[in-house]
Amino acid sequence: MQIDAFVLTLVYNLNIPVMKRPEQLESMGVLIKEESLQTLEHAVLNNTFVLESLEPFPGYHGENIPLESKRGFLFLITQNPYPVERILRISQNVCGYQHLMFDLSPAEIFIYNNTLNAIRIKDLNDYALIADIQGCFMDQGIKFMKRRLISAGGLIRVNKVFCLERLQDYFYRDLDDELTFYIEIPYHLNWNLFKKVSFSVKNNLDNSNFDAALAFVYLKSIVEFIRIYAKNPSISRLQSIRDKYLEEMLRIQQK
């Protein structure tokens, strides 16, 4: 999807404010990102297909990578697509594990020109629980795909609940993850254009040590975001990232 250059010029030059948002947002939305994935060959039910993210935040590097970035991100690949609400309802009470700190969300993975339906597990530190979690979903009629060997990059679309606190216009922090922030933008980008713009942005910032992804949240209208994963970014740094994204979008569109 192309963005009209005239509209983008107005947004960038006039810095048109976004619609006033509430101080906190809690709503369903979608996170879109790209990661390197590999078949997990242990700790899973026999002949079931589970993918592990090898690097959940590939744009964030350096000596000060927080331990949180090494959390377990897994994808239980289902045999069929299931309604989002069905997966969420089962996830609310899976095996009585509500007291444990991991998150379950419906997802889709686009890999090798195929679409895989999945249940994403985020922040799972004890892989011994994987088979139990699979068994709980199977008890509720969820069927899993048979094991395949895969090691490749995949585009991931996660349906999740966003809990955000507004820092100031355009900028939010994630209330569930202290290393995650969201920058509101006034237009939609498809993934290919986002990758191209992100490459240019990172090559033109003094501090490019952050991971970026796309997101949107359902309010009365759809609110578009760039998700930033970084350690303690200041508002001025987030503003610089936003300005550079708008600038690079305009530059690329005018080529």
Protein backbone atom coordinates (compact mmCIF):
# COMPACT_ATOMS: atom_id res chain seq x y z
CA MET A 1 0.00 0.00 0.00
CA GLN A 2 1.46 3.37 -1.03
CA ILE A 3 1.03 6.54 1.01
CA ASP A 4 0.01 9.74 -0.76
CA ALA A 5 3.11 11.97 -0.76
CA PHE A 6 1.07 15.20 -0.39
CA VAL A 7 -0.73 13.88 2.71
CA LEU A 8 2.55 12.66 4.16
CA THR A 9 4.17 16.05 3.55
CA LEU A 10 1.37 17.75 5.49
CA VAL A 11 1.72 15.32 8.37
CA TYR A 12 5.47 15.76 8.54
CA ASN A 13 5.75 19.52 8.01
CA LEU A 14 2.76 20.58 10.09
CA ASN A 15 3.11 17.81 12.68
CA ILE A 16 -0.69 17.46 12.70
CA PRO A 17 -1.70 16.17 16.15
CA VAL A 18 -3.37 12.83 16.47
CA MET A 19 -6.83 12.60 17.99
CA LYS A 20 -6.75 12.98 21.76
CA ARG A 21 -6.45 9.55 23.37
CA PRO A 22 -7.29 8.44 26.90
CA GLU A 23 -4.46 8.21 29.43
CA GLN A 24 -4.67 4.42 29.30
CA LEU A 25 -5.63 2.14 26.42
CA GLU A 26 -6.77 -1.43 26.98
CA SER A 27 -8.03 -3.01 23.81
CA MET A 28 -7.60 -5.83 21.34
CA GLY A 29 -5.14 -5.29 18.54
CA VAL A 30 -2.51 -6.87 16.35
CA LEU A 31 1.29 -6.99 16.54
CA ILE A 32 3.23 -7.74 13.33
CA LYS A 33 6.91 -8.65 13.38
CA GLU A 34 9.52 -10.83 11.71
CA GLU A 35 11.65 -13.37 13.55
CA SER A 36 13.93 -16.34 12.95
CA LEU A 37 12.07 -19.52 13.87
CA GLN A 38 13.19 -23.08 14.43
CA THR A 39 11.42 -26.34 15.26
CA LEU A 40 11.62 -27.17 18.95
CA GLU A 41 12.58 -30.82 19.22
CA HIS A 42 12.32 -31.45 22.95
CA ALA A 43 9.78 -30.93 25.77
CA VAL A 44 6.78 -31.15 23.41
CA LEU A 45 4.11 -33.80 22.94
CA ASN A 46 5.13 -36.59 20.58
CA ASN A 47 4.80 -35.73 16.89
CA THR A 48 3.52 -32.19 17.45
CA PHE A 49 4.84 -29.06 15.76
CA VAL A 50 6.23 -26.28 17.96
CA LEU A 51 8.38 -23.39 16.74
CA GLU A 52 10.78 -21.43 18.92
CA SER A 53 11.85 -17.85 18.25
CA LEU A 54 15.65 -17.75 18.16
CA GLU A 55 15.81 -13.97 18.58
CA PRO A 56 12.51 -12.35 19.63
CA PHE A 57 13.90 -8.80 19.31
CA PRO A 58 16.40 -8.97 16.44
CA GLY A 59 16.94 -5.21 16.20
CA TYR A 60 18.13 -4.88 19.81
CA HIS A 61 21.81 -5.69 20.33
CA GLY A 62 24.78 -4.84 22.51
CA GLU A 63 26.42 -5.71 25.80
CA ASN A 64 23.50 -4.40 27.85
CA ILE A 65 20.82 -6.66 26.43
CA PRO A 66 18.47 -7.23 29.38
CA LEU A 67 17.79 -10.74 30.58
CA GLU A 68 14.13 -10.16 29.72
CA SER A 69 14.98 -10.31 26.01
CA LYS A 70 15.98 -13.96 26.43
CA ARG A 71 12.49 -15.04 27.52
CA GLY A 72 10.88 -18.04 25.89
CA PHE A 73 8.75 -17.22 22.84
CA LEU A 74 7.09 -20.33 21.41
CA PHE A 75 4.43 -21.08 18.82
CA LEU A 76 2.19 -24.15 19.13
CA ILE A 77 1.16 -24.85 15.53
CA THR A 78 -2.48 -25.89 15.23
CA GLN A 79 -3.91 -28.19 12.60
CA ASN A 80 -6.76 -25.79 11.80
CA PRO A 81 -7.51 -22.09 12.18
CA TYR A 82 -9.61 -21.41 15.27
CA PRO A 83 -11.62 -18.29 16.17
CA VAL A 84 -9.58 -15.78 18.16
CA GLU A 85 -12.14 -15.73 20.96
CA ARG A 86 -11.99 -19.52 21.34
CA ILE A 87 -8.23 -19.51 21.87
CA LEU A 88 -8.49 -16.57 24.27
CA ARG A 89 -11.22 -18.23 26.33
CA ILE A 90 -9.23 -21.42 26.70
CA SER A 91 -6.09 -19.42 27.48
CA GLN A 92 -7.77 -17.63 30.39
CA ASN A 93 -7.93 -20.82 32.42
CA VAL A 94 -5.38 -23.13 30.80
CA CYS A 95 -4.49 -25.89 33.27
CA GLY A 96 -5.07 -23.55 36.20
CA TYR A 97 -1.76 -21.85 35.45
CA GLN A 98 -3.10 -18.31 35.92
CA HIS A 99 -0.55 -17.73 38.68
CA LEU A 100 2.40 -18.32 36.36
CA MET A 101 3.94 -15.49 34.34
CA PHE A 102 3.42 -16.41 30.72
CA ASP A 103 1.08 -15.09 28.06
CA LEU A 104 -0.97 -16.97 25.45
CA SER A 105 -2.26 -15.36 22.24
CA PRO A 106 -3.64 -16.53 18.88
CA ALA A 107 -1.20 -15.98 16.01
CA GLU A 108 -0.51 -16.60 12.35
CA ILE A 109 2.92 -17.25 10.86
CA PHE A 110 3.68 -16.66 7.19
CA ILE A 111 6.63 -18.83 6.20
CA TYR A 112 7.72 -20.56 2.96
CA ASN A 113 4.65 -19.03 1.23
CA ASN A 114 2.42 -20.90 3.69
CA THR A 115 0.24 -19.73 6.57
CA LEU A 116 0.59 -21.56 9.87
CA ASN A 117 -2.03 -21.05 12.58
CA ALA A 118 -0.56 -20.91 16.05
CA ILE A 119 -0.89 -20.20 19.74
CA ARG A 120 1.95 -17.98 20.86
CA ILE A 121 3.43 -18.52 24.30
CA LYS A 122 5.35 -15.50 25.58
CA ASP A 123 7.64 -15.41 28.63
CA LEU A 124 7.70 -19.14 29.30
CA ASN A 125 10.76 -19.80 31.43
CA ASP A 126 10.00 -23.45 32.20
CA TYR A 127 9.87 -25.55 29.03
CA ALA A 128 8.76 -28.55 31.11
CA LEU A 129 5.26 -26.99 31.01
CA ILE A 130 4.94 -27.09 27.21
CA ALA A 131 3.47 -30.59 26.95
CA ASP A 132 1.00 -29.84 29.77
CA ILE A 133 -0.14 -26.66 28.02
CA GLN A 134 -0.58 -28.55 24.75
CA GLY A 135 -2.58 -31.21 26.59
CA CYS A 136 -4.91 -28.59 28.10
CA PHE A 137 -5.72 -27.20 24.66
CA MET A 138 -6.22 -30.71 23.27
CA ASP A 139 -8.69 -31.43 26.08
CA GLN A 140 -10.71 -28.46 24.74
CA GLY A 141 -10.74 -29.84 21.20
CA ILE A 142 -7.74 -28.00 19.76
CA LYS A 143 -5.74 -30.15 17.35
CA PHE A 144 -2.05 -29.65 16.68
CA MET A 145 -0.16 -30.09 13.44
CA LYS A 146 2.27 -32.97 13.11
CA ARG A 147 5.95 -32.22 13.54
CA ARG A 148 7.90 -30.54 10.75
CA LEU A 149 11.50 -29.45 10.61
CA ILE A 150 11.81 -25.73 9.91
CA SER A 151 14.56 -23.17 10.37
CA ALA A 152 13.75 -19.91 8.63
CA GLY A 153 12.50 -16.38 9.04
CA GLY A 154 8.76 -15.92 9.36
CA LEU A 155 6.36 -12.99 9.43
CA ILE A 156 4.24 -13.22 12.58
CA ARG A 157 0.83 -11.69 13.25
CA VAL A 158 -0.25 -11.88 16.89
CA ASN A 159 -3.77 -11.05 18.14
CA LYS A 160 -3.41 -9.72 21.66
CA VAL A 161 -4.76 -7.37 24.30
CA PHE A 162 -2.74 -4.16 24.56
CA CYS A 163 -2.49 -2.41 27.93
CA LEU A 164 -0.85 0.97 27.31
CA GLU A 165 -0.27 4.14 29.28
CA ARG A 166 0.08 7.42 27.43
CA LEU A 167 3.30 9.28 28.22
CA GLN A 168 2.40 12.26 26.04
CA ASP A 169 1.08 12.85 22.53
CA TYR A 170 2.09 9.98 20.21
CA PHE A 171 3.97 7.99 22.88
CA TYR A 172 2.90 5.09 25.10
CA ARG A 173 4.54 2.55 27.34
CA ASP A 174 3.39 -1.03 27.71
CA LEU A 175 2.01 -1.70 31.19
CA ASP A 176 2.88 -5.39 30.88
CA ASP A 177 6.46 -4.97 29.65
CA GLU A 178 8.77 -2.19 30.83
CA LEU A 179 10.99 -2.53 27.74
CA THR A 180 8.20 -2.01 25.21
CA PHE A 181 6.93 1.33 23.92
CA TYR A 182 4.54 2.43 21.19
CA ILE A 183 4.75 5.40 18.85
CA GLU A 184 1.47 6.44 17.26
CA ILE A 185 1.63 7.23 13.56
CA PRO A 186 -1.12 8.73 11.37
CA TYR A 187 -1.10 6.16 8.56
CA HIS A 188 -0.91 2.45 7.82
CA LEU A 189 2.25 0.79 6.48
CA ASN A 190 2.40 -2.66 4.96
CA TRP A 191 5.25 -4.87 6.14
CA ASN A 192 7.48 -4.56 3.07
CA LEU A 193 7.33 -0.78 3.15
CA PHE A 194 7.86 -0.78 6.91
CA LYS A 195 11.03 -2.89 6.52
CA LYS A 196 12.38 -0.54 3.88
CA VAL A 197 11.66 2.54 5.96
CA SER A 198 13.04 0.92 9.14
CA PHE A 199 16.31 0.08 7.39
CA SER A 200 16.73 3.73 6.38
CA VAL A 201 15.73 4.98 9.83
CA LYS A 202 18.29 2.81 11.60
CA ASN A 203 21.02 3.95 9.22
CA ASN A 204 20.27 7.61 9.95
CA LEU A 205 20.00 7.69 13.73
CA ASP A 206 22.87 8.11 16.18
CA ASN A 207 21.36 5.47 18.45
CA SER A 208 19.75 2.68 16.45
CA ASN A 209 19.82 0.06 19.20
CA PHE A 210 16.13 -0.79 19.28
CA ASP A 211 13.83 -3.37 17.76
CA ALA A 212 10.85 -2.13 15.76
CA ALA A 213 7.61 -3.82 14.76
CA LEU A 214 4.17 -2.79 13.54
CA ALA A 215 1.01 -2.75 15.63
CA PHE A 216 -2.53 -1.46 15.59
CA VAL A 217 -5.25 -1.27 18.20
CA TYR A 218 -9.02 -1.33 17.73
CA LEU A 219 -10.69 1.73 19.26
CA LYS A 220 -13.57 3.64 17.65
CA SER A 221 -11.14 3.85 14.76
CA ILE A 222 -7.99 1.80 14.17
CA VAL A 223 -4.93 3.38 15.81
CA GLU A 224 -1.61 2.66 14.08
CA PHE A 225 1.63 2.19 16.03
CA ILE A 226 5.29 1.41 15.67
CA ARG A 227 6.32 -0.85 18.53
CA ILE A 228 9.76 -0.04 19.96
CA TYR A 229 11.68 -2.47 22.16
CA ALA A 230 14.50 -0.71 24.00
CA LYS A 231 15.83 -0.08 27.47
CA ASN A 232 14.63 3.17 29.07
CA PRO A 233 14.23 5.35 25.96
CA SER A 234 13.60 9.00 26.75
CA ILE A 235 10.70 10.91 25.25
CA SER A 236 13.18 12.89 23.17
CA ARG A 237 14.60 9.67 21.77
CA LEU A 238 11.13 8.36 20.93
CA GLN A 239 10.38 11.70 19.29
CA SER A 240 13.55 11.42 17.21
CA ILE A 241 12.55 7.93 16.07
CA ARG A 242 9.07 9.11 15.13
CA ASP A 243 10.42 12.15 13.26
CA LYS A 244 12.85 9.98 11.34
CA TYR A 245 10.13 7.50 10.34
CA LEU A 246 7.98 10.32 8.97
CA GLU A 247 10.98 11.85 7.20
CA GLU A 248 12.07 8.56 5.62
CA MET A 249 8.52 7.76 4.53
CA LEU A 250 8.37 11.05 2.71
CA ARG A 251 11.80 10.57 1.15
CA ILE A 252 11.05 7.07 -0.12
CA GLN A 253 7.67 8.07 -1.51
CA GLN A 254 9.17 10.97 -3.47
CA LYS A 255 11.74 8.81 -5.25
